[in-house]
Amino acid sequence: MKTILPDQSLHIQVRLNYIVSQILDIAQDKIAMIILYGSFARGDWVRDLPNGYHSDTDILIILKKSKYKGHVTLRLKDNIYKRLKKPE
């Protein structure tokens, strides 16, 4: 598993650090691993301003124990989304 970003994706490092810090702040004791996957991990992301398309950031959170499933997992997900949601 790679532990560094491809050169083409280095510009998102600050944003990723922020996202990871917020996730860990909410549930550090429950998280085994946080994985970036998809186009930013591969370095082939797209930013097509004329057509309004921009690649999303794909993050997988692996929990330590299987007991964190069902509504506990949904509660974690909701808390993470609320914390990272941009102000409207």
N, C-alpha and C. Protein backbone atom coordinates (compact mmCIF):
# COMPACT_ATOMS: atom_id res chain seq x y z
N MET A 1 0.84 -1.17 0.00
CA MET A 1 0.00 0.00 0.00
C MET A 1 0.90 1.24 0.00
N LYS A 2 0.55 2.19 -0.86
CA LYS A 2 1.31 3.43 -0.93
C LYS A 2 1.01 4.30 0.29
N THR A 3 2.00 5.04 0.71
CA THR A 3 1.79 5.94 1.85
C THR A 3 2.02 7.40 1.48
N ILE A 4 2.28 7.66 0.20
CA ILE A 4 2.45 9.04 -0.26
C ILE A 4 1.52 9.29 -1.45
N LEU A 5 1.18 10.55 -1.65
CA LEU A 5 0.33 10.92 -2.77
C LEU A 5 1.13 10.98 -4.06
N PRO A 6 0.49 10.68 -5.19
CA PRO A 6 1.16 10.92 -6.48
C PRO A 6 1.42 12.42 -6.63
N ASP A 7 2.45 12.78 -7.38
CA ASP A 7 2.78 14.20 -7.57
C ASP A 7 1.58 15.02 -8.04
N GLN A 8 0.75 14.44 -8.91
CA GLN A 8 -0.39 15.16 -9.46
C GLN A 8 -1.45 15.48 -8.40
N SER A 9 -1.39 14.82 -7.26
CA SER A 9 -2.41 15.01 -6.22
C SER A 9 -1.88 15.74 -4.99
N LEU A 10 -0.64 16.18 -5.01
CA LEU A 10 -0.05 16.80 -3.82
C LEU A 10 -0.79 18.07 -3.38
N HIS A 11 -1.46 18.74 -4.31
CA HIS A 11 -2.16 19.98 -3.97
C HIS A 11 -3.31 19.76 -2.98
N ILE A 12 -3.75 18.52 -2.79
CA ILE A 12 -4.85 18.28 -1.83
C ILE A 12 -4.34 17.83 -0.46
N GLN A 13 -3.03 17.81 -0.26
CA GLN A 13 -2.46 17.32 0.99
C GLN A 13 -2.99 18.07 2.21
N VAL A 14 -3.08 19.38 2.14
CA VAL A 14 -3.57 20.17 3.28
C VAL A 14 -5.03 19.81 3.57
N ARG A 15 -5.84 19.70 2.53
CA ARG A 15 -7.25 19.33 2.71
C ARG A 15 -7.37 17.93 3.30
N LEU A 16 -6.57 16.99 2.81
CA LEU A 16 -6.60 15.62 3.34
C LEU A 16 -6.19 15.59 4.80
N ASN A 17 -5.15 16.33 5.14
CA ASN A 17 -4.71 16.38 6.54
C ASN A 17 -5.84 16.89 7.44
N TYR A 18 -6.57 17.90 6.96
CA TYR A 18 -7.69 18.44 7.74
C TYR A 18 -8.78 17.39 7.90
N ILE A 19 -9.14 16.73 6.80
CA ILE A 19 -10.19 15.71 6.85
C ILE A 19 -9.82 14.60 7.82
N VAL A 20 -8.59 14.11 7.71
CA VAL A 20 -8.13 13.02 8.58
C VAL A 20 -8.13 13.47 10.04
N SER A 21 -7.69 14.69 10.31
CA SER A 21 -7.66 15.17 11.70
C SER A 21 -9.07 15.26 12.27
N GLN A 22 -10.04 15.68 11.46
CA GLN A 22 -11.42 15.76 11.93
C GLN A 22 -12.00 14.38 12.20
N ILE A 23 -11.71 13.43 11.31
CA ILE A 23 -12.19 12.06 11.51
C ILE A 23 -11.60 11.47 12.78
N LEU A 24 -10.30 11.64 12.97
CA LEU A 24 -9.65 11.10 14.17
C LEU A 24 -10.15 11.78 15.44
N ASP A 25 -10.46 13.06 15.35
CA ASP A 25 -10.98 13.78 16.50
C ASP A 25 -12.32 13.21 16.95
N ILE A 26 -13.11 12.75 16.01
CA ILE A 26 -14.43 12.19 16.32
C ILE A 26 -14.34 10.76 16.82
N ALA A 27 -13.47 9.95 16.21
CA ALA A 27 -13.54 8.50 16.48
C ALA A 27 -12.19 7.80 16.49
N GLN A 28 -11.16 8.46 16.97
CA GLN A 28 -9.82 7.88 16.92
C GLN A 28 -9.75 6.49 17.56
N ASP A 29 -10.45 6.30 18.65
CA ASP A 29 -10.38 5.02 19.36
C ASP A 29 -11.06 3.88 18.60
N LYS A 30 -11.86 4.20 17.61
CA LYS A 30 -12.59 3.18 16.86
C LYS A 30 -11.98 2.88 15.48
N ILE A 31 -11.02 3.69 15.04
CA ILE A 31 -10.51 3.60 13.67
C ILE A 31 -9.19 2.83 13.60
N ALA A 32 -9.15 1.85 12.71
CA ALA A 32 -7.93 1.09 12.46
C ALA A 32 -7.11 1.73 11.35
N MET A 33 -7.80 2.24 10.31
CA MET A 33 -7.08 2.75 9.15
C MET A 33 -7.98 3.71 8.36
N ILE A 34 -7.36 4.71 7.76
CA ILE A 34 -8.06 5.62 6.84
C ILE A 34 -7.33 5.52 5.51
N ILE A 35 -8.09 5.22 4.45
CA ILE A 35 -7.48 4.97 3.14
C ILE A 35 -8.05 5.92 2.10
N LEU A 36 -7.17 6.59 1.37
CA LEU A 36 -7.57 7.37 0.20
C LEU A 36 -7.53 6.44 -0.99
N TYR A 37 -8.61 6.39 -1.76
CA TYR A 37 -8.63 5.56 -2.96
C TYR A 37 -9.27 6.37 -4.09
N GLY A 38 -9.29 5.82 -5.26
CA GLY A 38 -9.91 6.51 -6.39
C GLY A 38 -8.92 7.39 -7.14
N SER A 39 -9.47 8.37 -7.85
CA SER A 39 -8.67 9.16 -8.78
C SER A 39 -7.57 9.98 -8.11
N PHE A 40 -7.81 10.52 -6.91
CA PHE A 40 -6.74 11.28 -6.25
C PHE A 40 -5.61 10.36 -5.79
N ALA A 41 -5.93 9.16 -5.39
CA ALA A 41 -4.90 8.19 -4.98
C ALA A 41 -4.08 7.74 -6.19
N ARG A 42 -4.74 7.61 -7.34
CA ARG A 42 -4.04 7.19 -8.56
C ARG A 42 -3.32 8.34 -9.24
N GLY A 43 -3.76 9.56 -8.98
CA GLY A 43 -3.17 10.72 -9.63
C GLY A 43 -3.81 11.06 -10.97
N ASP A 44 -4.99 10.52 -11.25
CA ASP A 44 -5.65 10.81 -12.52
C ASP A 44 -6.99 11.54 -12.33
N TRP A 45 -7.06 12.37 -11.30
CA TRP A 45 -8.25 13.15 -11.02
C TRP A 45 -8.52 14.13 -12.16
N VAL A 46 -9.77 14.62 -12.19
CA VAL A 46 -10.20 15.52 -13.26
C VAL A 46 -10.78 16.79 -12.67
N ARG A 47 -10.41 17.90 -13.25
CA ARG A 47 -11.04 19.18 -12.91
C ARG A 47 -11.41 19.84 -14.24
N ASP A 48 -12.63 19.65 -14.65
CA ASP A 48 -13.13 20.14 -15.93
C ASP A 48 -14.08 21.30 -15.67
N LEU A 49 -13.52 22.49 -15.49
CA LEU A 49 -14.33 23.65 -15.13
C LEU A 49 -15.39 24.00 -16.18
N PRO A 50 -15.07 23.97 -17.48
CA PRO A 50 -16.10 24.33 -18.47
C PRO A 50 -17.36 23.45 -18.38
N ASN A 51 -17.18 22.19 -18.05
CA ASN A 51 -18.32 21.28 -17.96
C ASN A 51 -18.81 21.07 -16.53
N GLY A 52 -18.17 21.72 -15.57
CA GLY A 52 -18.61 21.66 -14.18
C GLY A 52 -18.33 20.35 -13.47
N TYR A 53 -17.33 19.61 -13.94
CA TYR A 53 -17.02 18.32 -13.30
C TYR A 53 -15.71 18.41 -12.54
N HIS A 54 -15.70 17.86 -11.34
CA HIS A 54 -14.49 17.79 -10.54
C HIS A 54 -14.52 16.45 -9.81
N SER A 55 -13.43 15.73 -9.86
CA SER A 55 -13.35 14.44 -9.17
C SER A 55 -13.61 14.62 -7.68
N ASP A 56 -14.30 13.66 -7.09
CA ASP A 56 -14.53 13.71 -5.65
C ASP A 56 -13.35 13.07 -4.92
N THR A 57 -13.35 13.20 -3.61
CA THR A 57 -12.31 12.61 -2.78
C THR A 57 -12.87 11.36 -2.13
N ASP A 58 -12.30 10.21 -2.47
CA ASP A 58 -12.80 8.93 -1.97
C ASP A 58 -11.97 8.49 -0.77
N ILE A 59 -12.64 8.34 0.37
CA ILE A 59 -11.96 7.96 1.61
C ILE A 59 -12.68 6.76 2.22
N LEU A 60 -11.91 5.74 2.56
CA LEU A 60 -12.44 4.54 3.21
C LEU A 60 -11.94 4.52 4.65
N ILE A 61 -12.85 4.33 5.59
CA ILE A 61 -12.50 4.26 7.00
C ILE A 61 -12.71 2.83 7.47
N ILE A 62 -11.64 2.19 7.95
CA ILE A 62 -11.71 0.83 8.46
C ILE A 62 -11.79 0.91 9.99
N LEU A 63 -12.83 0.32 10.54
CA LEU A 63 -13.01 0.32 11.99
C LEU A 63 -12.27 -0.85 12.63
N LYS A 64 -11.88 -0.67 13.89
CA LYS A 64 -11.10 -1.69 14.60
C LYS A 64 -11.89 -2.96 14.88
N LYS A 65 -13.14 -2.83 15.27
CA LYS A 65 -13.90 -4.00 15.72
C LYS A 65 -15.22 -4.09 14.98
N SER A 66 -15.64 -5.32 14.76
CA SER A 66 -16.91 -5.53 14.06
C SER A 66 -18.11 -5.10 14.90
N LYS A 67 -17.89 -4.88 16.19
CA LYS A 67 -19.01 -4.45 17.03
C LYS A 67 -19.47 -3.04 16.66
N TYR A 68 -18.62 -2.28 15.95
CA TYR A 68 -18.99 -0.95 15.50
C TYR A 68 -19.71 -1.06 14.16
N LYS A 69 -20.89 -1.61 14.18
CA LYS A 69 -21.66 -1.73 12.95
C LYS A 69 -23.09 -1.31 13.23
N GLY A 70 -23.88 -1.30 12.20
CA GLY A 70 -25.26 -0.90 12.36
C GLY A 70 -25.40 0.57 12.70
N HIS A 71 -26.22 0.88 13.68
CA HIS A 71 -26.51 2.28 13.97
C HIS A 71 -25.31 3.01 14.56
N VAL A 72 -24.38 2.30 15.20
CA VAL A 72 -23.16 2.95 15.71
C VAL A 72 -22.34 3.49 14.55
N THR A 73 -22.20 2.69 13.49
CA THR A 73 -21.46 3.12 12.30
C THR A 73 -22.16 4.29 11.63
N LEU A 74 -23.47 4.22 11.53
CA LEU A 74 -24.22 5.32 10.92
C LEU A 74 -24.07 6.60 11.73
N ARG A 75 -24.04 6.48 13.05
CA ARG A 75 -23.85 7.66 13.90
C ARG A 75 -22.47 8.27 13.67
N LEU A 76 -21.44 7.42 13.56
CA LEU A 76 -20.10 7.92 13.25
C LEU A 76 -20.09 8.64 11.91
N LYS A 77 -20.70 8.01 10.91
CA LYS A 77 -20.77 8.60 9.58
C LYS A 77 -21.46 9.96 9.62
N ASP A 78 -22.59 10.04 10.30
CA ASP A 78 -23.32 11.31 10.41
C ASP A 78 -22.47 12.38 11.09
N ASN A 79 -21.79 12.01 12.17
CA ASN A 79 -20.94 12.98 12.88
C ASN A 79 -19.80 13.48 12.00
N ILE A 80 -19.20 12.58 11.23
CA ILE A 80 -18.11 12.98 10.33
C ILE A 80 -18.65 13.91 9.25
N TYR A 81 -19.77 13.55 8.63
CA TYR A 81 -20.35 14.41 7.60
C TYR A 81 -20.70 15.79 8.14
N LYS A 82 -21.29 15.84 9.33
CA LYS A 82 -21.65 17.14 9.92
C LYS A 82 -20.41 17.99 10.16
N ARG A 83 -19.35 17.36 10.64
CA ARG A 83 -18.12 18.09 10.95
C ARG A 83 -17.47 18.64 9.68
N LEU A 84 -17.54 17.88 8.59
CA LEU A 84 -16.85 18.27 7.36
C LEU A 84 -17.72 19.03 6.38
N LYS A 85 -19.00 19.13 6.67
CA LYS A 85 -19.92 19.81 5.74
C LYS A 85 -19.55 21.28 5.62
N LYS A 86 -19.51 21.73 4.37
CA LYS A 86 -19.21 23.14 4.12
C LYS A 86 -20.42 23.98 4.53
N PRO A 87 -20.17 25.16 5.10
CA PRO A 87 -21.29 26.05 5.44
C PRO A 87 -22.04 26.45 4.17
N GLU A 88 -23.35 26.50 4.27
CA GLU A 88 -24.16 26.86 3.10
C GLU A 88 -24.33 28.34 2.97
